[in-house]
Amino acid sequence: MKKFLGMTLLVSAAAFGESWTGTIVDTNCKTKDLASHAKSCLMGCAKSGLGIVLSDGKFVKFDEEGNVKALAALKASSKDKDLKGKVTGTLDGDVLKVATVEIM
């Protein structure tokens, strides 16, 4: 049983990749004051692409599927500003192939 559980966790980790925590933002506004950046602005600028600004200030752009997942998570969230999130996926060059997005 322990061996099965260990393999299940290993497969799950491989399926989702790594995780990142930061602020979800559109590409156009990635250098603005993120704490006051409103969800309505993000939704309006979403066509520019979305990504996450990490605690070190680095911006990582989402792939197209990640944009869709992030928009769905944002629409479901009641938060209007300070859009912190946890994203899992795999980094492919400078683009994050998103598996999951959670607004915190």
PDB file of N, CA and C in Angstrom:
ATOM      1  N   MET A   1       0.825  -1.195   0.000  1.00  0.00           N
ATOM      2  CA  MET A   1       0.000   0.000   0.000  1.00  0.00           C
ATOM      3  C   MET A   1       0.868   1.258   0.000  1.00  0.00           C
ATOM      4  N   LYS A   2       1.935   1.279   0.811  1.00  0.00           N
ATOM      5  CA  LYS A   2       2.817   2.440   0.858  1.00  0.00           C
ATOM      6  C   LYS A   2       3.481   2.658  -0.496  1.00  0.00           C
ATOM      7  N   LYS A   3       3.852   1.565  -1.140  1.00  0.00           N
ATOM      8  CA  LYS A   3       4.492   1.668  -2.445  1.00  0.00           C
ATOM      9  C   LYS A   3       3.511   2.274  -3.456  1.00  0.00           C
ATOM     10  N   PHE A   4       2.257   1.833  -3.424  1.00  0.00           N
ATOM     11  CA  PHE A   4       1.233   2.364  -4.320  1.00  0.00           C
ATOM     12  C   PHE A   4       1.015   3.852  -4.070  1.00  0.00           C
ATOM     13  N   LEU A   5       0.913   4.252  -2.796  1.00  0.00           N
ATOM     14  CA  LEU A   5       0.709   5.640  -2.436  1.00  0.00           C
ATOM     15  C   LEU A   5       1.884   6.489  -2.905  1.00  0.00           C
ATOM     16  N   GLY A   6       3.085   6.006  -2.720  1.00  0.00           N
ATOM     17  CA  GLY A   6       4.278   6.716  -3.164  1.00  0.00           C
ATOM     18  C   GLY A   6       4.281   6.920  -4.665  1.00  0.00           C
ATOM     19  N   MET A   7       3.911   5.911  -5.422  1.00  0.00           N
ATOM     20  CA  MET A   7       3.855   6.013  -6.879  1.00  0.00           C
ATOM     21  C   MET A   7       2.747   6.985  -7.302  1.00  0.00           C
ATOM     22  N   THR A   8       1.621   6.963  -6.600  1.00  0.00           N
ATOM     23  CA  THR A   8       0.523   7.873  -6.912  1.00  0.00           C
ATOM     24  C   THR A   8       0.962   9.325  -6.711  1.00  0.00           C
ATOM     25  N   LEU A   9       1.649   9.606  -5.615  1.00  0.00           N
ATOM     26  CA  LEU A   9       2.132  10.956  -5.359  1.00  0.00           C
ATOM     27  C   LEU A   9       3.158  11.378  -6.401  1.00  0.00           C
ATOM     28  N   LEU A  10       4.027  10.480  -6.808  1.00  0.00           N
ATOM     29  CA  LEU A  10       5.035  10.776  -7.811  1.00  0.00           C
ATOM     30  C   LEU A  10       4.382  11.102  -9.152  1.00  0.00           C
ATOM     31  N   VAL A  11       3.407  10.309  -9.544  1.00  0.00           N
ATOM     32  CA  VAL A  11       2.692  10.553 -10.802  1.00  0.00           C
ATOM     33  C   VAL A  11       1.927  11.868 -10.727  1.00  0.00           C
ATOM     34  N   SER A  12       1.295  12.152  -9.588  1.00  0.00           N
ATOM     35  CA  SER A  12       0.557  13.403  -9.426  1.00  0.00           C
ATOM     36  C   SER A  12       1.481  14.599  -9.534  1.00  0.00           C
ATOM     37  N   ALA A  13       2.644  14.529  -8.911  1.00  0.00           N
ATOM     38  CA  ALA A  13       3.598  15.630  -8.978  1.00  0.00           C
ATOM     39  C   ALA A  13       4.067  15.844 -10.409  1.00  0.00           C
ATOM     40  N   ALA A  14       4.299  14.777 -11.138  1.00  0.00           N
ATOM     41  CA  ALA A  14       4.735  14.892 -12.527  1.00  0.00           C
ATOM     42  C   ALA A  14       3.629  15.473 -13.402  1.00  0.00           C
ATOM     43  N   ALA A  15       2.392  15.127 -13.105  1.00  0.00           N
ATOM     44  CA  ALA A  15       1.272  15.612 -13.913  1.00  0.00           C
ATOM     45  C   ALA A  15       1.074  17.112 -13.742  1.00  0.00           C
ATOM     46  N   PHE A  16       1.245  17.631 -12.546  1.00  0.00           N
ATOM     47  CA  PHE A  16       1.015  19.055 -12.300  1.00  0.00           C
ATOM     48  C   PHE A  16       2.290  19.879 -12.388  1.00  0.00           C
ATOM     49  N   GLY A  17       3.464  19.283 -12.269  1.00  0.00           N
ATOM     50  CA  GLY A  17       4.708  20.034 -12.335  1.00  0.00           C
ATOM     51  C   GLY A  17       4.962  20.792 -11.055  1.00  0.00           C
ATOM     52  N   GLU A  18       5.510  21.968 -11.203  1.00  0.00           N
ATOM     53  CA  GLU A  18       5.857  22.809 -10.065  1.00  0.00           C
ATOM     54  C   GLU A  18       4.700  23.737  -9.730  1.00  0.00           C
ATOM     55  N   SER A  19       4.844  24.463  -8.618  1.00  0.00           N
ATOM     56  CA  SER A  19       3.829  25.458  -8.284  1.00  0.00           C
ATOM     57  C   SER A  19       4.499  26.796  -7.999  1.00  0.00           C
ATOM     58  N   TRP A  20       3.775  27.860  -8.314  1.00  0.00           N
ATOM     59  CA  TRP A  20       4.224  29.225  -8.117  1.00  0.00           C
ATOM     60  C   TRP A  20       3.122  29.997  -7.425  1.00  0.00           C
ATOM     61  N   THR A  21       3.510  30.915  -6.541  1.00  0.00           N
ATOM     62  CA  THR A  21       2.559  31.782  -5.861  1.00  0.00           C
ATOM     63  C   THR A  21       2.958  33.222  -6.143  1.00  0.00           C
ATOM     64  N   GLY A  22       1.977  34.029  -6.469  1.00  0.00           N
ATOM     65  CA  GLY A  22       2.235  35.435  -6.764  1.00  0.00           C
ATOM     66  C   GLY A  22       0.943  36.139  -7.106  1.00  0.00           C
ATOM     67  N   THR A  23       1.056  37.215  -7.867  1.00  0.00           N
ATOM     68  CA  THR A  23      -0.108  38.005  -8.243  1.00  0.00           C
ATOM     69  C   THR A  23      -0.440  37.747  -9.706  1.00  0.00           C
ATOM     70  N   ILE A  24      -1.695  37.391  -9.967  1.00  0.00           N
ATOM     71  CA  ILE A  24      -2.168  37.164 -11.330  1.00  0.00           C
ATOM     72  C   ILE A  24      -2.426  38.535 -11.951  1.00  0.00           C
ATOM     73  N   VAL A  25      -1.907  38.740 -13.154  1.00  0.00           N
ATOM     74  CA  VAL A  25      -2.020  40.046 -13.799  1.00  0.00           C
ATOM     75  C   VAL A  25      -1.978  39.875 -15.314  1.00  0.00           C
ATOM     76  N   ASP A  26      -2.523  40.863 -16.029  1.00  0.00           N
ATOM     77  CA  ASP A  26      -2.424  40.852 -17.487  1.00  0.00           C
ATOM     78  C   ASP A  26      -1.070  41.411 -17.901  1.00  0.00           C
ATOM     79  N   THR A  27      -0.641  41.077 -19.095  1.00  0.00           N
ATOM     80  CA  THR A  27       0.672  41.493 -19.594  1.00  0.00           C
ATOM     81  C   THR A  27       0.805  43.013 -19.646  1.00  0.00           C
ATOM     82  N   ASN A  28      -0.262  43.715 -20.022  1.00  0.00           N
ATOM     83  CA  ASN A  28      -0.206  45.176 -20.122  1.00  0.00           C
ATOM     84  C   ASN A  28       0.056  45.856 -18.785  1.00  0.00           C
ATOM     85  N   CYS A  29      -0.393  45.267 -17.693  1.00  0.00           N
ATOM     86  CA  CYS A  29      -0.331  45.929 -16.383  1.00  0.00           C
ATOM     87  C   CYS A  29       0.685  45.295 -15.426  1.00  0.00           C
ATOM     88  N   LYS A  30       1.555  44.462 -15.919  1.00  0.00           N
ATOM     89  CA  LYS A  30       2.470  43.721 -15.042  1.00  0.00           C
ATOM     90  C   LYS A  30       3.431  44.610 -14.254  1.00  0.00           C
ATOM     91  N   THR A  31       3.628  45.854 -14.681  1.00  0.00           N
ATOM     92  CA  THR A  31       4.540  46.745 -13.967  1.00  0.00           C
ATOM     93  C   THR A  31       3.814  47.765 -13.101  1.00  0.00           C
ATOM     94  N   LYS A  32       2.495  47.718 -13.057  1.00  0.00           N
ATOM     95  CA  LYS A  32       1.711  48.646 -12.235  1.00  0.00           C
ATOM     96  C   LYS A  32       1.692  48.200 -10.774  1.00  0.00           C
ATOM     97  N   ASP A  33       1.056  49.006  -9.924  1.00  0.00           N
ATOM     98  CA  ASP A  33       0.878  48.662  -8.515  1.00  0.00           C
ATOM     99  C   ASP A  33      -0.072  47.463  -8.440  1.00  0.00           C
ATOM    100  N   LEU A  34       0.459  46.294  -8.156  1.00  0.00           N
ATOM    101  CA  LEU A  34      -0.322  45.062  -8.221  1.00  0.00           C
ATOM    102  C   LEU A  34      -1.356  44.947  -7.117  1.00  0.00           C
ATOM    103  N   ALA A  35      -1.090  45.519  -5.958  1.00  0.00           N
ATOM    104  CA  ALA A  35      -2.034  45.418  -4.839  1.00  0.00           C
ATOM    105  C   ALA A  35      -3.337  46.148  -5.147  1.00  0.00           C
ATOM    106  N   SER A  36      -3.269  47.227  -5.935  1.00  0.00           N
ATOM    107  CA  SER A  36      -4.483  47.978  -6.247  1.00  0.00           C
ATOM    108  C   SER A  36      -5.013  47.684  -7.648  1.00  0.00           C
ATOM    109  N   HIS A  37      -4.359  46.802  -8.382  1.00  0.00           N
ATOM    110  CA  HIS A  37      -4.808  46.451  -9.733  1.00  0.00           C
ATOM    111  C   HIS A  37      -6.146  45.716  -9.643  1.00  0.00           C
ATOM    112  N   ALA A  38      -7.163  46.264 -10.289  1.00  0.00           N
ATOM    113  CA  ALA A  38      -8.523  45.735 -10.170  1.00  0.00           C
ATOM    114  C   ALA A  38      -8.790  44.592 -11.139  1.00  0.00           C
ATOM    115  N   LYS A  39      -9.650  43.695 -10.699  1.00  0.00           N
ATOM    116  CA  LYS A  39     -10.055  42.567 -11.542  1.00  0.00           C
ATOM    117  C   LYS A  39     -10.696  43.068 -12.828  1.00  0.00           C
ATOM    118  N   SER A  40     -11.454  44.148 -12.767  1.00  0.00           N
ATOM    119  CA  SER A  40     -12.109  44.678 -13.970  1.00  0.00           C
ATOM    120  C   SER A  40     -11.069  45.121 -15.008  1.00  0.00           C
ATOM    121  N   CYS A  41      -9.965  45.693 -14.565  1.00  0.00           N
ATOM    122  CA  CYS A  41      -8.888  46.075 -15.484  1.00  0.00           C
ATOM    123  C   CYS A  41      -8.262  44.827 -16.100  1.00  0.00           C
ATOM    124  N   LEU A  42      -7.994  43.849 -15.264  1.00  0.00           N
ATOM    125  CA  LEU A  42      -7.402  42.598 -15.747  1.00  0.00           C
ATOM    126  C   LEU A  42      -8.297  41.946 -16.794  1.00  0.00           C
ATOM    127  N   MET A  43      -9.584  41.896 -16.532  1.00  0.00           N
ATOM    128  CA  MET A  43     -10.519  41.291 -17.481  1.00  0.00           C
ATOM    129  C   MET A  43     -10.551  42.086 -18.787  1.00  0.00           C
ATOM    130  N   GLY A  44     -10.467  43.399 -18.682  1.00  0.00           N
ATOM    131  CA  GLY A  44     -10.472  44.240 -19.864  1.00  0.00           C
ATOM    132  C   GLY A  44      -9.211  44.114 -20.698  1.00  0.00           C
ATOM    133  N   CYS A  45      -8.098  43.817 -20.047  1.00  0.00           N
ATOM    134  CA  CYS A  45      -6.812  43.708 -20.742  1.00  0.00           C
ATOM    135  C   CYS A  45      -6.396  42.258 -20.984  1.00  0.00           C
ATOM    136  N   ALA A  46      -7.280  41.317 -20.717  1.00  0.00           N
ATOM    137  CA  ALA A  46      -6.938  39.894 -20.785  1.00  0.00           C
ATOM    138  C   ALA A  46      -6.447  39.450 -22.158  1.00  0.00           C
ATOM    139  N   LYS A  47      -6.882  40.131 -23.218  1.00  0.00           N
ATOM    140  CA  LYS A  47      -6.446  39.749 -24.564  1.00  0.00           C
ATOM    141  C   LYS A  47      -4.944  39.911 -24.752  1.00  0.00           C
ATOM    142  N   SER A  48      -4.302  40.726 -23.902  1.00  0.00           N
ATOM    143  CA  SER A  48      -2.846  40.889 -23.974  1.00  0.00           C
ATOM    144  C   SER A  48      -2.124  39.659 -23.433  1.00  0.00           C
ATOM    145  N   GLY A  49      -2.869  38.785 -22.749  1.00  0.00           N
ATOM    146  CA  GLY A  49      -2.288  37.597 -22.123  1.00  0.00           C
ATOM    147  C   GLY A  49      -2.180  37.802 -20.631  1.00  0.00           C
ATOM    148  N   LEU A  50      -2.159  36.703 -19.901  1.00  0.00           N
ATOM    149  CA  LEU A  50      -2.072  36.745 -18.441  1.00  0.00           C
ATOM    150  C   LEU A  50      -0.802  36.055 -17.980  1.00  0.00           C
ATOM    151  N   GLY A  51      -0.469  36.301 -16.747  1.00  0.00           N
ATOM    152  CA  GLY A  51       0.691  35.655 -16.149  1.00  0.00           C
ATOM    153  C   GLY A  51       0.692  35.887 -14.657  1.00  0.00           C
ATOM    154  N   ILE A  52       1.813  35.575 -14.050  1.00  0.00           N
ATOM    155  CA  ILE A  52       1.951  35.721 -12.607  1.00  0.00           C
ATOM    156  C   ILE A  52       3.238  36.476 -12.302  1.00  0.00           C
ATOM    157  N   VAL A  53       3.136  37.455 -11.393  1.00  0.00           N
ATOM    158  CA  VAL A  53       4.309  38.171 -10.910  1.00  0.00           C
ATOM    159  C   VAL A  53       4.706  37.508  -9.599  1.00  0.00           C
ATOM    160  N   LEU A  54       5.909  36.972  -9.575  1.00  0.00           N
ATOM    161  CA  LEU A  54       6.414  36.265  -8.400  1.00  0.00           C
ATOM    162  C   LEU A  54       6.930  37.247  -7.358  1.00  0.00           C
ATOM    163  N   SER A  55       7.230  36.761  -6.165  1.00  0.00           N
ATOM    164  CA  SER A  55       7.671  37.627  -5.071  1.00  0.00           C
ATOM    165  C   SER A  55       8.963  38.370  -5.398  1.00  0.00           C
ATOM    166  N   ASP A  56       9.789  37.821  -6.304  1.00  0.00           N
ATOM    167  CA  ASP A  56      11.026  38.501  -6.684  1.00  0.00           C
ATOM    168  C   ASP A  56      10.809  39.524  -7.802  1.00  0.00           C
ATOM    169  N   GLY A  57       9.539  39.717  -8.215  1.00  0.00           N
ATOM    170  CA  GLY A  57       9.211  40.689  -9.248  1.00  0.00           C
ATOM    171  C   GLY A  57       9.236  40.141 -10.662  1.00  0.00           C
ATOM    172  N   LYS A  58       9.657  38.898 -10.824  1.00  0.00           N
ATOM    173  CA  LYS A  58       9.714  38.298 -12.158  1.00  0.00           C
ATOM    174  C   LYS A  58       8.298  37.979 -12.642  1.00  0.00           C
ATOM    175  N   PHE A  59       8.027  38.292 -13.921  1.00  0.00           N
ATOM    176  CA  PHE A  59       6.748  37.993 -14.550  1.00  0.00           C
ATOM    177  C   PHE A  59       6.904  36.745 -15.407  1.00  0.00           C
ATOM    178  N   VAL A  60       5.985  35.795 -15.232  1.00  0.00           N
ATOM    179  CA  VAL A  60       5.977  34.569 -16.028  1.00  0.00           C
ATOM    180  C   VAL A  60       4.639  34.503 -16.753  1.00  0.00           C
ATOM    181  N   LYS A  61       4.699  34.497 -18.075  1.00  0.00           N
ATOM    182  CA  LYS A  61       3.492  34.507 -18.910  1.00  0.00           C
ATOM    183  C   LYS A  61       2.881  33.113 -18.979  1.00  0.00           C
ATOM    184  N   PHE A  62       1.532  33.060 -18.998  1.00  0.00           N
ATOM    185  CA  PHE A  62       0.796  31.802 -19.130  1.00  0.00           C
ATOM    186  C   PHE A  62       0.667  31.411 -20.594  1.00  0.00           C
ATOM    187  N   ASP A  63       0.534  30.122 -20.847  1.00  0.00           N
ATOM    188  CA  ASP A  63       0.178  29.633 -22.174  1.00  0.00           C
ATOM    189  C   ASP A  63      -1.306  29.927 -22.411  1.00  0.00           C
ATOM    190  N   GLU A  64      -1.800  29.673 -23.626  1.00  0.00           N
ATOM    191  CA  GLU A  64      -3.199  29.982 -23.953  1.00  0.00           C
ATOM    192  C   GLU A  64      -4.184  29.256 -23.032  1.00  0.00           C
ATOM    193  N   GLU A  65      -3.924  27.982 -22.752  1.00  0.00           N
ATOM    194  CA  GLU A  65      -4.804  27.227 -21.855  1.00  0.00           C
ATOM    195  C   GLU A  65      -4.774  27.830 -20.451  1.00  0.00           C
ATOM    196  N   GLY A  66      -3.617  28.311 -20.043  1.00  0.00           N
ATOM    197  CA  GLY A  66      -3.483  28.963 -18.748  1.00  0.00           C
ATOM    198  C   GLY A  66      -4.287  30.241 -18.662  1.00  0.00           C
ATOM    199  N   ASN A  67      -4.323  30.993 -19.774  1.00  0.00           N
ATOM    200  CA  ASN A  67      -5.149  32.208 -19.814  1.00  0.00           C
ATOM    201  C   ASN A  67      -6.609  31.861 -19.556  1.00  0.00           C
ATOM    202  N   VAL A  68      -7.093  30.804 -20.202  1.00  0.00           N
ATOM    203  CA  VAL A  68      -8.488  30.377 -20.041  1.00  0.00           C
ATOM    204  C   VAL A  68      -8.750  29.954 -18.595  1.00  0.00           C
ATOM    205  N   LYS A  69      -7.837  29.158 -18.030  1.00  0.00           N
ATOM    206  CA  LYS A  69      -8.008  28.680 -16.646  1.00  0.00           C
ATOM    207  C   LYS A  69      -7.955  29.834 -15.650  1.00  0.00           C
ATOM    208  N   ALA A  70      -7.044  30.775 -15.870  1.00  0.00           N
ATOM    209  CA  ALA A  70      -6.929  31.913 -14.961  1.00  0.00           C
ATOM    210  C   ALA A  70      -8.174  32.789 -15.026  1.00  0.00           C
ATOM    211  N   LEU A  71      -8.683  33.038 -16.225  1.00  0.00           N
ATOM    212  CA  LEU A  71      -9.905  33.840 -16.356  1.00  0.00           C
ATOM    213  C   LEU A  71     -11.080  33.173 -15.656  1.00  0.00           C
ATOM    214  N   ALA A  72     -11.206  31.867 -15.790  1.00  0.00           N
ATOM    215  CA  ALA A  72     -12.294  31.144 -15.125  1.00  0.00           C
ATOM    216  C   ALA A  72     -12.163  31.256 -13.608  1.00  0.00           C
ATOM    217  N   ALA A  73     -10.944  31.108 -13.100  1.00  0.00           N
ATOM    218  CA  ALA A  73     -10.724  31.208 -11.649  1.00  0.00           C
ATOM    219  C   ALA A  73     -11.009  32.621 -11.154  1.00  0.00           C
ATOM    220  N   LEU A  74     -10.615  33.620 -11.933  1.00  0.00           N
ATOM    221  CA  LEU A  74     -10.869  35.006 -11.550  1.00  0.00           C
ATOM    222  C   LEU A  74     -12.354  35.337 -11.568  1.00  0.00           C
ATOM    223  N   LYS A  75     -13.069  34.864 -12.579  1.00  0.00           N
ATOM    224  CA  LYS A  75     -14.507  35.101 -12.666  1.00  0.00           C
ATOM    225  C   LYS A  75     -15.232  34.477 -11.477  1.00  0.00           C
ATOM    226  N   ALA A  76     -14.754  33.330 -11.004  1.00  0.00           N
ATOM    227  CA  ALA A  76     -15.387  32.631  -9.887  1.00  0.00           C
ATOM    228  C   ALA A  76     -15.023  33.250  -8.535  1.00  0.00           C
ATOM    229  N   SER A  77     -13.985  34.072  -8.511  1.00  0.00           N
ATOM    230  CA  SER A  77     -13.518  34.667  -7.261  1.00  0.00           C
ATOM    231  C   SER A  77     -14.291  35.933  -6.929  1.00  0.00           C
ATOM    232  N   SER A  78     -14.489  36.172  -5.645  1.00  0.00           N
ATOM    233  CA  SER A  78     -15.149  37.399  -5.204  1.00  0.00           C
ATOM    234  C   SER A  78     -14.137  38.528  -4.973  1.00  0.00           C
ATOM    235  N   LYS A  79     -12.847  38.218  -5.089  1.00  0.00           N
ATOM    236  CA  LYS A  79     -11.820  39.251  -4.884  1.00  0.00           C
ATOM    237  C   LYS A  79     -11.844  40.254  -6.026  1.00  0.00           C
ATOM    238  N   ASP A  80     -11.616  41.533  -5.693  1.00  0.00           N
ATOM    239  CA  ASP A  80     -11.576  42.572  -6.715  1.00  0.00           C
ATOM    240  C   ASP A  80     -10.167  43.129  -6.917  1.00  0.00           C
ATOM    241  N   LYS A  81      -9.332  43.069  -5.881  1.00  0.00           N
ATOM    242  CA  LYS A  81      -7.963  43.594  -5.961  1.00  0.00           C
ATOM    243  C   LYS A  81      -7.027  42.634  -5.248  1.00  0.00           C
ATOM    244  N   ASP A  82      -5.719  42.905  -5.395  1.00  0.00           N
ATOM    245  CA  ASP A  82      -4.690  42.065  -4.775  1.00  0.00           C
ATOM    246  C   ASP A  82      -4.936  40.597  -5.133  1.00  0.00           C
ATOM    247  N   LEU A  83      -4.903  40.313  -6.414  1.00  0.00           N
ATOM    248  CA  LEU A  83      -5.311  39.017  -6.975  1.00  0.00           C
ATOM    249  C   LEU A  83      -4.189  37.981  -6.875  1.00  0.00           C
ATOM    250  N   LYS A  84      -3.926  37.565  -5.646  1.00  0.00           N
ATOM    251  CA  LYS A  84      -2.910  36.547  -5.390  1.00  0.00           C
ATOM    252  C   LYS A  84      -3.419  35.194  -5.847  1.00  0.00           C
ATOM    253  N   GLY A  85      -2.512  34.385  -6.344  1.00  0.00           N
ATOM    254  CA  GLY A  85      -2.907  33.069  -6.802  1.00  0.00           C
ATOM    255  C   GLY A  85      -1.798  32.053  -6.674  1.00  0.00           C
ATOM    256  N   LYS A  86      -2.189  30.803  -6.754  1.00  0.00           N
ATOM    257  CA  LYS A  86      -1.253  29.678  -6.782  1.00  0.00           C
ATOM    258  C   LYS A  86      -1.484  28.974  -8.118  1.00  0.00           C
ATOM    259  N   VAL A  87      -0.412  28.800  -8.859  1.00  0.00           N
ATOM    260  CA  VAL A  87      -0.489  28.204 -10.183  1.00  0.00           C
ATOM    261  C   VAL A  87       0.428  26.999 -10.223  1.00  0.00           C
ATOM    262  N   THR A  88      -0.073  25.890 -10.763  1.00  0.00           N
ATOM    263  CA  THR A  88       0.768  24.722 -10.976  1.00  0.00           C
ATOM    264  C   THR A  88       0.917  24.500 -12.469  1.00  0.00           C
ATOM    265  N   GLY A  89       2.047  23.940 -12.841  1.00  0.00           N
ATOM    266  CA  GLY A  89       2.308  23.674 -14.248  1.00  0.00           C
ATOM    267  C   GLY A  89       3.771  23.411 -14.486  1.00  0.00           C
ATOM    268  N   THR A  90       4.165  23.537 -15.730  1.00  0.00           N
ATOM    269  CA  THR A  90       5.561  23.321 -16.098  1.00  0.00           C
ATOM    270  C   THR A  90       6.048  24.511 -16.917  1.00  0.00           C
ATOM    271  N   LEU A  91       7.274  24.913 -16.653  1.00  0.00           N
ATOM    272  CA  LEU A  91       7.873  26.029 -17.354  1.00  0.00           C
ATOM    273  C   LEU A  91       8.495  25.520 -18.650  1.00  0.00           C
ATOM    274  N   ASP A  92       8.117  26.147 -19.762  1.00  0.00           N
ATOM    275  CA  ASP A  92       8.651  25.795 -21.069  1.00  0.00           C
ATOM    276  C   ASP A  92       9.283  27.057 -21.641  1.00  0.00           C
ATOM    277  N   GLY A  93      10.570  27.213 -21.434  1.00  0.00           N
ATOM    278  CA  GLY A  93      11.244  28.457 -21.798  1.00  0.00           C
ATOM    279  C   GLY A  93      10.795  29.550 -20.863  1.00  0.00           C
ATOM    280  N   ASP A  94      10.174  30.588 -21.414  1.00  0.00           N
ATOM    281  CA  ASP A  94       9.682  31.680 -20.567  1.00  0.00           C
ATOM    282  C   ASP A  94       8.155  31.695 -20.474  1.00  0.00           C
ATOM    283  N   VAL A  95       7.521  30.580 -20.857  1.00  0.00           N
ATOM    284  CA  VAL A  95       6.056  30.456 -20.796  1.00  0.00           C
ATOM    285  C   VAL A  95       5.685  29.334 -19.833  1.00  0.00           C
ATOM    286  N   LEU A  96       4.705  29.603 -18.987  1.00  0.00           N
ATOM    287  CA  LEU A  96       4.230  28.616 -18.027  1.00  0.00           C
ATOM    288  C   LEU A  96       3.055  27.852 -18.624  1.00  0.00           C
ATOM    289  N   LYS A  97       3.218  26.554 -18.810  1.00  0.00           N
ATOM    290  CA  LYS A  97       2.126  25.689 -19.263  1.00  0.00           C
ATOM    291  C   LYS A  97       1.317  25.336 -18.022  1.00  0.00           C
ATOM    292  N   VAL A  98       0.160  25.942 -17.898  1.00  0.00           N
ATOM    293  CA  VAL A  98      -0.630  25.917 -16.672  1.00  0.00           C
ATOM    294  C   VAL A  98      -1.466  24.651 -16.578  1.00  0.00           C
ATOM    295  N   ALA A  99      -1.402  24.012 -15.405  1.00  0.00           N
ATOM    296  CA  ALA A  99      -2.274  22.866 -15.106  1.00  0.00           C
ATOM    297  C   ALA A  99      -3.467  23.325 -14.274  1.00  0.00           C
ATOM    298  N   THR A 100      -3.194  24.136 -13.226  1.00  0.00           N
ATOM    299  CA  THR A 100      -4.274  24.620 -12.353  1.00  0.00           C
ATOM    300  C   THR A 100      -3.993  26.062 -11.922  1.00  0.00           C
ATOM    301  N   VAL A 101      -5.075  26.787 -11.629  1.00  0.00           N
ATOM    302  CA  VAL A 101      -4.987  28.147 -11.085  1.00  0.00           C
ATOM    303  C   VAL A 101      -5.954  28.226  -9.919  1.00  0.00           C
ATOM    304  N   GLU A 102      -5.458  28.733  -8.798  1.00  0.00           N
ATOM    305  CA  GLU A 102      -6.286  28.935  -7.608  1.00  0.00           C
ATOM    306  C   GLU A 102      -6.104  30.367  -7.139  1.00  0.00           C
ATOM    307  N   ILE A 103      -7.186  31.101  -7.017  1.00  0.00           N
ATOM    308  CA  ILE A 103      -7.126  32.474  -6.494  1.00  0.00           C
ATOM    309  C   ILE A 103      -7.216  32.374  -4.971  1.00  0.00           C
ATOM    310  N   MET A 104      -6.291  33.057  -4.308  1.00  0.00           N
ATOM    311  CA  MET A 104      -6.221  32.944  -2.848  1.00  0.00           C
ATOM    312  C   MET A 104      -6.712  34.227  -2.184  1.00  0.00           C
TER     313      MET A 104
END
